[in-house]
Amino acid sequence: MKRRHFLTAGLLTVTGAAYGLASRSQAASGALKPVPARAKVAPPTKLSAMIDRAKAAMATHQSALLDSDRIGIADYSLHSGKERFHIVDLVSGTSQSFLVAHGKGSDLGHTGWLKEFSNVPGSEASSAGSFLVSDTYIGKHGTSRRLKGLDPSNDMAEARAIVIHGAWYAEPEMVSAHGKLGRSQGCFAFSESDLGSILEQLGPGRLLYADKI
């Protein structure tokens, strides 16, 4: 499976600057490494639509953000066997994609498709909406990062301990063997090999947006 492929954002018709979303600490956060020219392809239409939604969410929650140069987008319209988590650089206009697991309560039959969202404690489901990326900590899944829900659809995220973490069931080998990833308890679970890059690029004060079309 080709992983960590980059996408040109030719369909990103409105940049972060056009939204008035210039990063408050962009100079300090540093730029991403140059995207290999051979890996550039046009972004899918659905990703473009998700980016538009995420930008609107970013504009709504701008006052809560420390950085608006980059945004994380979980497109749960796609099957868990697909790279459906995107880190979009609004400055360079590129996107990097990763595998991400969804919650058990969102896919009770373990089909690989997210059926529904929930914000209810104990549901073990994924929640839709805007999340503020918060602090890093060491927990039962190792290095993890807390999230704060900014919308009524996900405002129980902290109480539910919905976080970013690595997990064995989110490794690409799961897709090779079973055609899908395992399920989390509602957290954004990634491959251990991808986690470092995700945490580096999606630091505290940035926005993570989750939804399906």
Protein backbone atom coordinates (compact mmCIF):
# COMPACT_ATOMS: atom_id res chain seq x y z
CA MET A 1 0.00 0.00 0.00
CA LYS A 2 1.30 3.42 -0.86
CA ARG A 3 1.28 5.49 2.29
CA ARG A 4 1.89 9.09 3.24
CA HIS A 5 1.23 10.27 -0.28
CA PHE A 6 1.00 13.98 -0.86
CA LEU A 7 -1.75 15.84 -2.72
CA THR A 8 -1.54 19.20 -4.40
CA ALA A 9 -4.35 21.45 -3.33
CA GLY A 10 -5.27 22.89 -6.69
CA LEU A 11 -8.90 22.86 -5.57
CA LEU A 12 -8.10 24.86 -2.45
CA THR A 13 -9.58 27.97 -3.97
CA VAL A 14 -9.44 29.90 -0.73
CA THR A 15 -6.25 29.90 1.31
CA GLY A 16 -5.95 30.38 5.04
CA ALA A 17 -4.81 33.93 4.44
CA ALA A 18 -7.94 34.68 2.41
CA TYR A 19 -9.99 33.64 5.42
CA GLY A 20 -7.86 35.90 7.60
CA LEU A 21 -6.43 32.80 9.26
CA ALA A 22 -2.74 33.59 9.31
CA SER A 23 -0.91 31.60 11.99
CA ARG A 24 -0.20 33.39 15.25
CA SER A 25 3.04 31.46 15.69
CA GLN A 26 3.78 30.29 12.17
CA ALA A 27 7.35 31.54 12.20
CA ALA A 28 8.03 29.62 15.37
CA SER A 29 6.30 26.41 14.26
CA GLY A 30 8.41 26.05 11.11
CA ALA A 31 7.52 24.81 7.64
CA LEU A 32 6.96 21.25 6.48
CA LYS A 33 9.57 19.51 4.39
CA PRO A 34 9.22 20.11 0.64
CA VAL A 35 6.74 17.79 -1.04
CA PRO A 36 8.37 15.43 -3.58
CA ALA A 37 7.27 16.57 -7.04
CA ARG A 38 6.79 12.99 -8.26
CA ALA A 39 4.20 12.35 -5.54
CA LYS A 40 1.88 15.23 -6.38
CA VAL A 41 -1.61 14.44 -7.67
CA ALA A 42 -4.87 16.37 -7.83
CA PRO A 43 -7.05 16.09 -4.69
CA PRO A 44 -10.27 14.05 -4.94
CA THR A 45 -13.52 16.00 -5.17
CA LYS A 46 -14.73 14.70 -1.80
CA LEU A 47 -11.52 15.86 -0.12
CA SER A 48 -12.01 19.29 -1.65
CA ALA A 49 -15.53 19.42 -0.19
CA MET A 50 -14.23 18.34 3.22
CA ILE A 51 -11.54 21.00 3.06
CA ASP A 52 -14.20 23.63 2.41
CA ARG A 53 -16.16 22.44 5.45
CA ALA A 54 -13.01 22.39 7.58
CA LYS A 55 -12.10 25.93 6.51
CA ALA A 56 -15.56 27.16 7.48
CA ALA A 57 -15.15 25.45 10.87
CA MET A 58 -11.74 27.04 11.26
CA ALA A 59 -13.21 30.48 10.56
CA THR A 60 -15.93 29.85 13.15
CA HIS A 61 -13.45 28.82 15.84
CA GLN A 62 -10.58 31.11 14.89
CA SER A 63 -10.49 32.80 18.30
CA ALA A 64 -9.76 29.44 19.98
CA LEU A 65 -6.84 28.59 17.70
CA LEU A 66 -3.16 29.39 18.13
CA ASP A 67 -2.21 28.28 14.63
CA SER A 68 -4.24 28.26 11.43
CA ASP A 69 -1.54 27.30 8.96
CA ARG A 70 -2.40 23.59 9.08
CA ILE A 71 -5.55 21.57 9.74
CA GLY A 72 -6.32 17.89 10.31
CA ILE A 73 -9.34 16.42 8.52
CA ALA A 74 -10.89 13.00 9.20
CA ASP A 75 -13.10 12.11 6.24
CA TYR A 76 -15.27 9.34 7.63
CA SER A 77 -17.15 9.04 4.35
CA LEU A 78 -14.39 6.63 3.36
CA HIS A 79 -13.79 3.03 4.42
CA SER A 80 -11.25 2.40 7.17
CA GLY A 81 -9.03 0.61 4.66
CA LYS A 82 -8.45 3.93 2.89
CA GLU A 83 -6.16 6.80 3.86
CA ARG A 84 -8.89 9.13 5.07
CA PHE A 85 -7.09 11.40 7.53
CA HIS A 86 -5.52 14.41 5.87
CA ILE A 87 -3.19 17.07 7.22
CA VAL A 88 -3.71 20.06 4.97
CA ASP A 89 -1.09 22.81 4.80
CA LEU A 90 -3.05 25.96 3.96
CA VAL A 91 0.17 27.89 3.27
CA SER A 92 1.80 25.56 0.73
CA GLY A 93 -1.50 24.11 -0.54
CA THR A 94 -0.54 20.46 -0.01
CA SER A 95 -2.12 17.57 1.86
CA GLN A 96 -0.63 14.44 3.41
CA SER A 97 -2.86 11.41 4.03
CA PHE A 98 -2.90 8.61 6.63
CA LEU A 99 -4.96 5.67 7.83
CA VAL A 100 -7.16 6.35 10.88
CA ALA A 101 -9.50 4.08 12.85
CA HIS A 102 -13.02 5.01 13.96
CA GLY A 103 -14.94 4.06 17.10
CA LYS A 104 -16.61 0.72 17.81
CA GLY A 105 -19.92 2.40 18.54
CA SER A 106 -19.93 3.94 15.07
CA ASP A 107 -19.56 0.57 13.36
CA LEU A 108 -21.10 -2.15 15.52
CA GLY A 109 -20.90 -4.75 12.75
CA HIS A 110 -17.22 -3.97 12.13
CA THR A 111 -17.79 -3.42 8.44
CA GLY A 112 -15.04 -0.81 8.11
CA TRP A 113 -17.64 1.89 7.41
CA LEU A 114 -18.57 4.54 9.97
CA LYS A 115 -22.36 4.30 10.28
CA GLU A 116 -23.13 7.02 12.81
CA PHE A 117 -21.55 9.55 15.14
CA SER A 118 -22.22 9.94 18.84
CA ASN A 119 -21.20 12.35 21.59
CA VAL A 120 -22.62 10.17 24.39
CA PRO A 121 -20.22 8.94 27.10
CA GLY A 122 -19.87 5.18 26.97
CA SER A 123 -20.96 4.95 23.33
CA GLU A 124 -17.40 4.20 22.14
CA ALA A 125 -18.36 6.02 18.95
CA SER A 126 -16.55 8.66 16.93
CA SER A 127 -17.85 12.23 17.16
CA ALA A 128 -18.22 14.72 14.35
CA GLY A 129 -17.19 18.34 14.57
CA SER A 130 -14.28 20.64 15.34
CA PHE A 131 -11.64 19.63 17.86
CA LEU A 132 -8.96 21.87 19.33
CA VAL A 133 -5.68 19.95 19.52
CA SER A 134 -4.38 20.19 23.08
CA ASP A 135 -1.48 18.93 25.19
CA THR A 136 0.65 15.81 24.84
CA TYR A 137 0.77 13.15 27.54
CA ILE A 138 1.95 9.57 28.09
CA GLY A 139 -0.92 7.14 28.66
CA LYS A 140 -1.86 3.51 28.14
CA HIS A 141 -1.32 3.95 24.39
CA GLY A 142 2.04 5.69 24.87
CA THR A 143 2.51 9.22 23.56
CA SER A 144 -0.93 10.73 22.95
CA ARG A 145 -2.49 14.15 22.47
CA ARG A 146 -5.68 15.44 24.07
CA LEU A 147 -8.53 17.02 22.13
CA LYS A 148 -11.17 19.54 23.15
CA GLY A 149 -14.54 19.43 21.38
CA LEU A 150 -15.65 22.85 20.17
CA ASP A 151 -19.14 21.98 18.88
CA PRO A 152 -22.35 20.63 20.49
CA SER A 153 -21.74 17.43 18.50
CA ASN A 154 -18.41 16.74 20.23
CA ASP A 155 -18.29 18.88 23.38
CA MET A 156 -17.97 15.74 25.54
CA ALA A 157 -14.63 14.83 23.95
CA GLU A 158 -12.57 15.66 27.05
CA ALA A 159 -14.96 13.85 29.39
CA ARG A 160 -14.88 10.84 27.07
CA ALA A 161 -11.07 10.99 26.82
CA ILE A 162 -11.18 11.25 23.03
CA VAL A 163 -7.55 11.69 21.98
CA ILE A 164 -4.99 11.12 19.23
CA HIS A 165 -2.93 7.97 19.82
CA GLY A 166 -1.16 5.11 18.10
CA ALA A 167 -2.60 1.57 18.02
CA TRP A 168 -1.65 -1.86 16.70
CA TYR A 169 -5.08 -2.21 15.09
CA ALA A 170 -4.45 0.88 12.94
CA GLU A 171 -1.40 -0.53 11.20
CA PRO A 172 -1.47 -1.02 7.39
CA GLU A 173 -0.92 -4.74 7.94
CA MET A 174 -4.47 -4.89 9.30
CA VAL A 175 -5.77 -3.69 5.95
CA SER A 176 -3.59 -6.19 4.11
CA ALA A 177 -4.83 -9.05 6.28
CA HIS A 178 -8.48 -8.08 6.88
CA GLY A 179 -9.30 -5.36 4.36
CA LYS A 180 -10.00 -2.86 7.17
CA LEU A 181 -8.61 -1.43 10.38
CA GLY A 182 -9.66 -2.38 13.88
CA ARG A 183 -11.84 -0.01 15.89
CA SER A 184 -11.06 2.44 18.69
CA GLN A 185 -13.22 3.54 21.61
CA GLY A 186 -13.95 6.77 19.77
CA CYS A 187 -10.38 8.06 19.57
CA PHE A 188 -8.42 8.99 16.45
CA ALA A 189 -6.12 5.96 16.36
CA PHE A 190 -3.19 5.86 13.94
CA SER A 191 -0.36 3.57 12.93
CA GLU A 192 2.55 3.84 15.37
CA SER A 193 4.83 4.59 12.44
CA ASP A 194 2.63 7.53 11.40
CA LEU A 195 1.95 8.93 14.84
CA GLY A 196 5.18 10.90 15.16
CA SER A 197 4.59 12.76 11.90
CA ILE A 198 0.97 13.49 12.81
CA LEU A 199 1.87 14.84 16.26
CA GLU A 200 4.67 16.94 14.80
CA GLN A 201 2.47 18.53 12.15
CA LEU A 202 -0.77 18.80 14.12
CA GLY A 203 0.49 20.50 17.25
CA PRO A 204 -1.38 22.10 20.16
CA GLY A 205 -3.57 25.01 19.17
CA ARG A 206 -4.47 23.67 15.72
CA LEU A 207 -7.84 22.39 14.52
CA LEU A 208 -8.88 18.81 13.78
CA TYR A 209 -12.16 18.48 11.88
CA ALA A 210 -14.13 15.22 11.56
CA ASP A 211 -17.20 14.59 9.43
CA LYS A 212 -18.62 12.53 6.57
CA ILE A 213 -20.25 13.60 3.32
